[in-house]
Amino acid sequence: MNQIEQIRKYMDNNRITKSKMAKLLGMPSTTFRDLLKGVKKPKSATEQKISDFFEQPQSVKKTSDDISNTERIERVKHILLLLEIELRHFIKDEEARKLLREKINFADIGYLSSLLNMLSEEGMFKRWKSLTSNEFNFLRKG
């Protein structure tokens, strides 16, 4: 099954709109629609985004409509605990830190850190949301 067929099947099985799927894949809706119509052939970067998406665990790919607020909060808590456990390794290993810096887009780390901070207070969050121009880029370099 090629990537476009895989996307169509995923959209059908999960009742996801084209614009929602484009957002999940991190690409403009118009580009995504052209890919589905066969007007455009996917570039290698687009193919990589699609591959990355389908390599994620199923729980990550759930759409926001499928998850209750309580479940989402529990998932965030779990992710933060797991993140802290994994980051402990980098405290003591300089070579691992160097490799991490090469592989991860730290602008995304700043975005996530800022978002987590701003969620702690509604007024700060609203100001941050109106002022931020950053977008999450799936931690990809380049």
N, C-alpha and C. Protein backbone atom coordinates (compact mmCIF):
# COMPACT_ATOMS: atom_id res chain seq x y z
N MET A 1 0.85 -1.17 0.00
CA MET A 1 0.00 0.00 0.00
C MET A 1 0.90 1.24 0.00
N ASN A 2 0.66 2.17 -0.94
CA ASN A 2 1.49 3.38 -0.97
C ASN A 2 1.01 4.37 0.10
N GLN A 3 1.76 5.43 0.27
CA GLN A 3 1.46 6.38 1.35
C GLN A 3 0.10 7.04 1.20
N ILE A 4 -0.29 7.40 -0.01
CA ILE A 4 -1.58 8.06 -0.22
C ILE A 4 -2.72 7.11 0.13
N GLU A 5 -2.60 5.85 -0.27
CA GLU A 5 -3.61 4.85 0.10
C GLU A 5 -3.67 4.66 1.61
N GLN A 6 -2.50 4.67 2.23
CA GLN A 6 -2.41 4.52 3.68
C GLN A 6 -3.11 5.70 4.37
N ILE A 7 -2.90 6.90 3.86
CA ILE A 7 -3.55 8.08 4.42
C ILE A 7 -5.07 7.99 4.26
N ARG A 8 -5.51 7.65 3.06
CA ARG A 8 -6.96 7.54 2.80
C ARG A 8 -7.60 6.53 3.75
N LYS A 9 -6.96 5.39 3.92
CA LYS A 9 -7.48 4.35 4.81
C LYS A 9 -7.54 4.86 6.25
N TYR A 10 -6.49 5.52 6.67
CA TYR A 10 -6.45 6.06 8.03
C TYR A 10 -7.57 7.09 8.23
N MET A 11 -7.75 7.97 7.24
CA MET A 11 -8.80 8.98 7.33
C MET A 11 -10.18 8.33 7.40
N ASP A 12 -10.42 7.33 6.58
CA ASP A 12 -11.70 6.63 6.58
C ASP A 12 -11.95 5.93 7.91
N ASN A 13 -10.95 5.20 8.38
CA ASN A 13 -11.10 4.44 9.63
C ASN A 13 -11.31 5.33 10.85
N ASN A 14 -10.74 6.54 10.80
CA ASN A 14 -10.81 7.43 11.96
C ASN A 14 -11.74 8.63 11.74
N ARG A 15 -12.41 8.65 10.60
CA ARG A 15 -13.34 9.73 10.25
C ARG A 15 -12.70 11.10 10.41
N ILE A 16 -11.58 11.27 9.75
CA ILE A 16 -10.81 12.51 9.84
C ILE A 16 -10.98 13.28 8.53
N THR A 17 -11.22 14.58 8.66
CA THR A 17 -11.35 15.44 7.48
C THR A 17 -9.99 15.67 6.84
N LYS A 18 -10.02 16.15 5.59
CA LYS A 18 -8.77 16.45 4.90
C LYS A 18 -7.98 17.54 5.63
N SER A 19 -8.67 18.57 6.09
CA SER A 19 -7.94 19.66 6.76
C SER A 19 -7.34 19.18 8.09
N LYS A 20 -8.05 18.32 8.81
CA LYS A 20 -7.52 17.78 10.08
C LYS A 20 -6.31 16.88 9.80
N MET A 21 -6.40 16.07 8.75
CA MET A 21 -5.29 15.18 8.41
C MET A 21 -4.07 15.99 7.99
N ALA A 22 -4.30 17.05 7.22
CA ALA A 22 -3.18 17.91 6.82
C ALA A 22 -2.50 18.48 8.06
N LYS A 23 -3.30 18.89 9.03
CA LYS A 23 -2.74 19.45 10.26
C LYS A 23 -1.95 18.39 11.04
N LEU A 24 -2.50 17.18 11.11
CA LEU A 24 -1.79 16.09 11.80
C LEU A 24 -0.45 15.78 11.14
N LEU A 25 -0.41 15.94 9.82
CA LEU A 25 0.83 15.67 9.08
C LEU A 25 1.76 16.88 9.03
N GLY A 26 1.26 18.04 9.49
CA GLY A 26 2.10 19.24 9.53
C GLY A 26 2.33 19.84 8.15
N MET A 27 1.28 19.85 7.32
CA MET A 27 1.43 20.44 5.99
C MET A 27 0.22 21.30 5.65
N PRO A 28 0.38 22.25 4.75
CA PRO A 28 -0.75 23.10 4.35
C PRO A 28 -1.88 22.26 3.74
N SER A 29 -3.12 22.66 4.01
CA SER A 29 -4.29 21.94 3.49
C SER A 29 -4.28 21.84 1.97
N THR A 30 -3.87 22.93 1.32
CA THR A 30 -3.88 22.92 -0.16
C THR A 30 -2.89 21.90 -0.70
N THR A 31 -1.72 21.84 -0.12
CA THR A 31 -0.71 20.85 -0.53
C THR A 31 -1.24 19.45 -0.32
N PHE A 32 -1.86 19.23 0.83
CA PHE A 32 -2.40 17.90 1.15
C PHE A 32 -3.49 17.50 0.16
N ARG A 33 -4.38 18.42 -0.13
CA ARG A 33 -5.46 18.12 -1.10
C ARG A 33 -4.88 17.78 -2.47
N ASP A 34 -3.86 18.51 -2.90
CA ASP A 34 -3.22 18.23 -4.18
C ASP A 34 -2.58 16.84 -4.20
N LEU A 35 -2.00 16.45 -3.06
CA LEU A 35 -1.41 15.11 -2.97
C LEU A 35 -2.48 14.04 -3.12
N LEU A 36 -3.60 14.24 -2.43
CA LEU A 36 -4.68 13.25 -2.50
C LEU A 36 -5.26 13.14 -3.90
N LYS A 37 -5.36 14.27 -4.59
CA LYS A 37 -5.91 14.27 -5.95
C LYS A 37 -4.92 13.72 -6.97
N GLY A 38 -3.65 13.63 -6.58
CA GLY A 38 -2.63 13.18 -7.50
C GLY A 38 -2.08 14.30 -8.37
N VAL A 39 -2.46 15.55 -8.05
CA VAL A 39 -1.97 16.71 -8.80
C VAL A 39 -0.48 16.91 -8.54
N LYS A 40 -0.06 16.62 -7.33
CA LYS A 40 1.35 16.76 -6.95
C LYS A 40 1.88 15.42 -6.49
N LYS A 41 3.14 15.21 -6.77
CA LYS A 41 3.86 14.06 -6.22
C LYS A 41 4.51 14.52 -4.92
N PRO A 42 4.50 13.67 -3.90
CA PRO A 42 5.11 14.10 -2.64
C PRO A 42 6.62 14.28 -2.75
N LYS A 43 7.12 15.37 -2.18
CA LYS A 43 8.57 15.59 -2.10
C LYS A 43 9.11 14.68 -1.01
N SER A 44 10.41 14.53 -0.96
CA SER A 44 10.99 13.63 0.03
C SER A 44 10.69 14.09 1.45
N ALA A 45 10.65 15.40 1.69
CA ALA A 45 10.33 15.90 3.03
C ALA A 45 8.89 15.55 3.41
N THR A 46 7.99 15.62 2.43
CA THR A 46 6.59 15.26 2.67
C THR A 46 6.47 13.77 2.93
N GLU A 47 7.17 12.98 2.15
CA GLU A 47 7.16 11.53 2.37
C GLU A 47 7.66 11.20 3.77
N GLN A 48 8.68 11.94 4.22
CA GLN A 48 9.22 11.70 5.56
C GLN A 48 8.19 12.06 6.63
N LYS A 49 7.46 13.17 6.46
CA LYS A 49 6.41 13.55 7.41
C LYS A 49 5.36 12.45 7.52
N ILE A 50 4.98 11.91 6.37
CA ILE A 50 3.96 10.85 6.36
C ILE A 50 4.50 9.60 7.04
N SER A 51 5.74 9.23 6.73
CA SER A 51 6.36 8.07 7.38
C SER A 51 6.44 8.26 8.89
N ASP A 52 6.89 9.44 9.30
CA ASP A 52 6.99 9.74 10.73
C ASP A 52 5.64 9.59 11.42
N PHE A 53 4.60 10.08 10.77
CA PHE A 53 3.27 10.01 11.36
C PHE A 53 2.84 8.57 11.57
N PHE A 54 3.03 7.73 10.56
CA PHE A 54 2.57 6.35 10.66
C PHE A 54 3.48 5.49 11.54
N GLU A 55 4.66 5.97 11.87
CA GLU A 55 5.55 5.25 12.78
C GLU A 55 5.24 5.57 14.24
N GLN A 56 4.43 6.60 14.50
CA GLN A 56 4.07 6.96 15.87
C GLN A 56 3.17 5.89 16.46
N PRO A 57 3.24 5.72 17.79
CA PRO A 57 2.30 4.79 18.43
C PRO A 57 0.85 5.23 18.18
N GLN A 58 -0.06 4.29 18.11
CA GLN A 58 -1.47 4.59 17.83
C GLN A 58 -2.04 5.61 18.82
N SER A 59 -1.64 5.54 20.07
CA SER A 59 -2.19 6.45 21.08
C SER A 59 -1.84 7.91 20.78
N VAL A 60 -0.71 8.15 20.12
CA VAL A 60 -0.31 9.51 19.78
C VAL A 60 -1.16 10.05 18.64
N LYS A 61 -1.62 9.16 17.75
CA LYS A 61 -2.35 9.59 16.56
C LYS A 61 -3.83 9.82 16.81
N LYS A 62 -4.34 9.54 18.00
CA LYS A 62 -5.76 9.79 18.26
C LYS A 62 -6.07 11.25 17.99
N THR A 63 -7.24 11.50 17.45
CA THR A 63 -7.64 12.88 17.22
C THR A 63 -8.19 13.47 18.50
N SER A 64 -8.21 14.79 18.59
CA SER A 64 -8.64 15.45 19.81
C SER A 64 -10.08 15.11 20.17
N ASP A 65 -10.91 14.76 19.18
CA ASP A 65 -12.30 14.42 19.45
C ASP A 65 -12.43 13.07 20.15
N ASP A 66 -11.40 12.25 20.08
CA ASP A 66 -11.45 10.89 20.64
C ASP A 66 -11.04 10.83 22.10
N ILE A 67 -10.57 11.92 22.66
CA ILE A 67 -9.96 11.87 23.98
C ILE A 67 -10.65 12.84 24.94
N SER A 68 -11.00 12.35 26.11
CA SER A 68 -11.61 13.23 27.12
C SER A 68 -10.52 14.10 27.75
N ASN A 69 -10.93 15.18 28.37
CA ASN A 69 -9.96 16.05 29.06
C ASN A 69 -9.20 15.28 30.13
N THR A 70 -9.91 14.44 30.87
CA THR A 70 -9.27 13.65 31.94
C THR A 70 -8.22 12.71 31.36
N GLU A 71 -8.56 12.03 30.27
CA GLU A 71 -7.60 11.13 29.64
C GLU A 71 -6.40 11.91 29.11
N ARG A 72 -6.66 13.07 28.53
CA ARG A 72 -5.57 13.89 27.99
C ARG A 72 -4.63 14.35 29.12
N ILE A 73 -5.19 14.76 30.24
CA ILE A 73 -4.37 15.19 31.39
C ILE A 73 -3.51 14.02 31.88
N GLU A 74 -4.08 12.85 31.97
CA GLU A 74 -3.32 11.67 32.40
C GLU A 74 -2.21 11.35 31.41
N ARG A 75 -2.48 11.50 30.12
CA ARG A 75 -1.45 11.27 29.11
C ARG A 75 -0.31 12.28 29.24
N VAL A 76 -0.65 13.54 29.46
CA VAL A 76 0.38 14.58 29.63
C VAL A 76 1.22 14.27 30.86
N LYS A 77 0.59 13.89 31.96
CA LYS A 77 1.35 13.54 33.16
C LYS A 77 2.30 12.37 32.89
N HIS A 78 1.81 11.37 32.20
CA HIS A 78 2.63 10.20 31.88
C HIS A 78 3.81 10.61 31.00
N ILE A 79 3.54 11.42 29.98
CA ILE A 79 4.60 11.87 29.07
C ILE A 79 5.65 12.67 29.82
N LEU A 80 5.22 13.56 30.71
CA LEU A 80 6.18 14.38 31.47
C LEU A 80 7.03 13.52 32.40
N LEU A 81 6.43 12.52 33.03
CA LEU A 81 7.20 11.61 33.88
C LEU A 81 8.20 10.81 33.05
N LEU A 82 7.76 10.32 31.92
CA LEU A 82 8.65 9.58 31.03
C LEU A 82 9.77 10.48 30.52
N LEU A 83 9.44 11.70 30.17
CA LEU A 83 10.44 12.66 29.70
C LEU A 83 11.51 12.90 30.77
N GLU A 84 11.08 13.09 31.99
CA GLU A 84 12.05 13.34 33.06
C GLU A 84 12.97 12.13 33.23
N ILE A 85 12.41 10.94 33.18
CA ILE A 85 13.21 9.72 33.32
C ILE A 85 14.24 9.63 32.19
N GLU A 86 13.81 9.89 30.96
CA GLU A 86 14.71 9.81 29.82
C GLU A 86 15.77 10.91 29.85
N LEU A 87 15.41 12.10 30.28
CA LEU A 87 16.36 13.21 30.30
C LEU A 87 17.45 13.03 31.36
N ARG A 88 17.18 12.25 32.40
CA ARG A 88 18.20 12.00 33.43
C ARG A 88 19.48 11.45 32.82
N HIS A 89 19.32 10.64 31.78
CA HIS A 89 20.48 10.05 31.12
C HIS A 89 21.44 11.12 30.60
N PHE A 90 20.89 12.21 30.08
CA PHE A 90 21.70 13.26 29.46
C PHE A 90 22.44 14.12 30.48
N ILE A 91 22.03 14.07 31.72
CA ILE A 91 22.71 14.84 32.76
C ILE A 91 24.14 14.35 32.94
N LYS A 92 24.34 13.05 32.84
CA LYS A 92 25.65 12.48 33.14
C LYS A 92 26.47 12.09 31.91
N ASP A 93 25.90 12.26 30.70
CA ASP A 93 26.59 11.77 29.51
C ASP A 93 26.77 12.89 28.49
N GLU A 94 27.97 13.47 28.44
CA GLU A 94 28.26 14.59 27.54
C GLU A 94 28.11 14.20 26.07
N GLU A 95 28.55 13.00 25.71
CA GLU A 95 28.43 12.55 24.32
C GLU A 95 26.96 12.42 23.92
N ALA A 96 26.14 11.94 24.83
CA ALA A 96 24.71 11.82 24.55
C ALA A 96 24.08 13.21 24.37
N ARG A 97 24.52 14.18 25.16
CA ARG A 97 24.00 15.55 25.02
C ARG A 97 24.37 16.12 23.65
N LYS A 98 25.59 15.84 23.22
CA LYS A 98 26.04 16.33 21.91
C LYS A 98 25.17 15.73 20.80
N LEU A 99 24.92 14.44 20.87
CA LEU A 99 24.10 13.77 19.88
C LEU A 99 22.65 14.30 19.92
N LEU A 100 22.14 14.51 21.11
CA LEU A 100 20.80 15.07 21.27
C LEU A 100 20.68 16.42 20.58
N ARG A 101 21.69 17.26 20.77
CA ARG A 101 21.69 18.59 20.14
C ARG A 101 21.71 18.51 18.62
N GLU A 102 22.34 17.47 18.09
CA GLU A 102 22.41 17.29 16.64
C GLU A 102 21.08 16.80 16.07
N LYS A 103 20.32 16.06 16.86
CA LYS A 103 19.14 15.37 16.36
C LYS A 103 17.81 16.08 16.62
N ILE A 104 17.79 16.99 17.58
CA ILE A 104 16.52 17.61 17.98
C ILE A 104 16.53 19.10 17.71
N ASN A 105 15.43 19.58 17.21
CA ASN A 105 15.22 21.01 16.96
C ASN A 105 14.87 21.67 18.29
N PHE A 106 15.80 22.40 18.86
CA PHE A 106 15.57 22.96 20.19
C PHE A 106 14.63 24.17 20.18
N ALA A 107 14.31 24.70 19.01
CA ALA A 107 13.25 25.71 18.94
C ALA A 107 11.92 25.08 19.36
N ASP A 108 11.72 23.81 19.02
CA ASP A 108 10.51 23.10 19.43
C ASP A 108 10.49 22.88 20.95
N ILE A 109 11.66 22.61 21.52
CA ILE A 109 11.74 22.44 22.97
C ILE A 109 11.34 23.75 23.66
N GLY A 110 11.84 24.87 23.13
CA GLY A 110 11.47 26.16 23.67
C GLY A 110 9.98 26.42 23.57
N TYR A 111 9.41 26.06 22.42
CA TYR A 111 7.97 26.22 22.21
C TYR A 111 7.18 25.40 23.24
N LEU A 112 7.54 24.13 23.39
CA LEU A 112 6.83 23.26 24.34
C LEU A 112 7.01 23.73 25.77
N SER A 113 8.22 24.13 26.13
CA SER A 113 8.49 24.63 27.47
C SER A 113 7.66 25.88 27.75
N SER A 114 7.63 26.78 26.80
CA SER A 114 6.85 28.01 26.94
C SER A 114 5.36 27.70 27.05
N LEU A 115 4.87 26.80 26.21
CA LEU A 115 3.46 26.42 26.26
C LEU A 115 3.10 25.82 27.61
N LEU A 116 3.91 24.90 28.09
CA LEU A 116 3.64 24.29 29.40
C LEU A 116 3.61 25.35 30.50
N ASN A 117 4.55 26.27 30.46
CA ASN A 117 4.59 27.36 31.44
C ASN A 117 3.34 28.22 31.38
N MET A 118 2.94 28.60 30.19
CA MET A 118 1.81 29.51 30.02
C MET A 118 0.48 28.86 30.36
N LEU A 119 0.38 27.55 30.27
CA LEU A 119 -0.85 26.86 30.62
C LEU A 119 -1.15 26.93 32.11
N SER A 120 -0.17 27.35 32.90
CA SER A 120 -0.36 27.40 34.35
C SER A 120 -1.27 28.54 34.79
N GLU A 121 -1.48 29.52 33.92
CA GLU A 121 -2.32 30.67 34.30
C GLU A 121 -3.00 31.22 33.04
N GLU A 122 -4.32 31.37 33.09
CA GLU A 122 -5.11 31.70 31.90
C GLU A 122 -4.73 33.04 31.27
N GLY A 123 -4.50 34.05 32.08
CA GLY A 123 -4.13 35.36 31.53
C GLY A 123 -2.82 35.31 30.76
N MET A 124 -1.83 34.65 31.37
CA MET A 124 -0.53 34.49 30.69
C MET A 124 -0.70 33.70 29.40
N PHE A 125 -1.53 32.65 29.46
CA PHE A 125 -1.73 31.82 28.28
C PHE A 125 -2.34 32.63 27.14
N LYS A 126 -3.35 33.43 27.44
CA LYS A 126 -4.00 34.22 26.38
C LYS A 126 -3.04 35.22 25.75
N ARG A 127 -2.20 35.86 26.57
CA ARG A 127 -1.20 36.78 26.03
C ARG A 127 -0.19 36.02 25.16
N TRP A 128 0.30 34.90 25.67
CA TRP A 128 1.26 34.09 24.93
C TRP A 128 0.67 33.65 23.59
N LYS A 129 -0.56 33.16 23.61
CA LYS A 129 -1.20 32.66 22.39
C LYS A 129 -1.34 33.77 21.35
N SER A 130 -1.65 34.97 21.80
CA SER A 130 -1.82 36.07 20.84
C SER A 130 -0.48 36.58 20.31
N LEU A 131 0.60 36.36 21.05
CA LEU A 131 1.90 36.90 20.65
C LEU A 131 2.83 35.90 19.97
N THR A 132 2.64 34.61 20.23
CA THR A 132 3.60 33.64 19.70
C THR A 132 3.42 33.45 18.20
N SER A 133 4.53 33.33 17.54
CA SER A 133 4.50 33.04 16.09
C SER A 133 5.17 31.69 15.82
N ASN A 134 5.61 31.05 16.89
CA ASN A 134 6.28 29.76 16.73
C ASN A 134 5.25 28.67 16.46
N GLU A 135 5.68 27.66 15.75
CA GLU A 135 4.88 26.47 15.54
C GLU A 135 5.74 25.27 15.85
N PHE A 136 5.11 24.22 16.28
CA PHE A 136 5.81 22.99 16.58
C PHE A 136 6.17 22.29 15.28
N ASN A 137 7.41 21.87 15.14
CA ASN A 137 7.91 21.25 13.90
C ASN A 137 8.31 19.80 14.08
N PHE A 138 7.69 19.13 15.05
CA PHE A 138 7.92 17.70 15.27
C PHE A 138 9.37 17.38 15.58
N LEU A 139 10.08 18.33 16.19
CA LEU A 139 11.45 18.15 16.67
C LEU A 139 12.45 17.85 15.57
N ARG A 140 12.05 18.06 14.32
CA ARG A 140 12.95 17.80 13.19
C ARG A 140 13.92 18.94 12.99
N LYS A 141 15.16 18.60 12.75
CA LYS A 141 16.19 19.59 12.42
C LYS A 141 16.01 19.98 10.96
N GLY A 142 16.38 21.25 10.67
CA GLY A 142 16.44 21.66 9.28
C GLY A 142 15.21 22.16 8.68
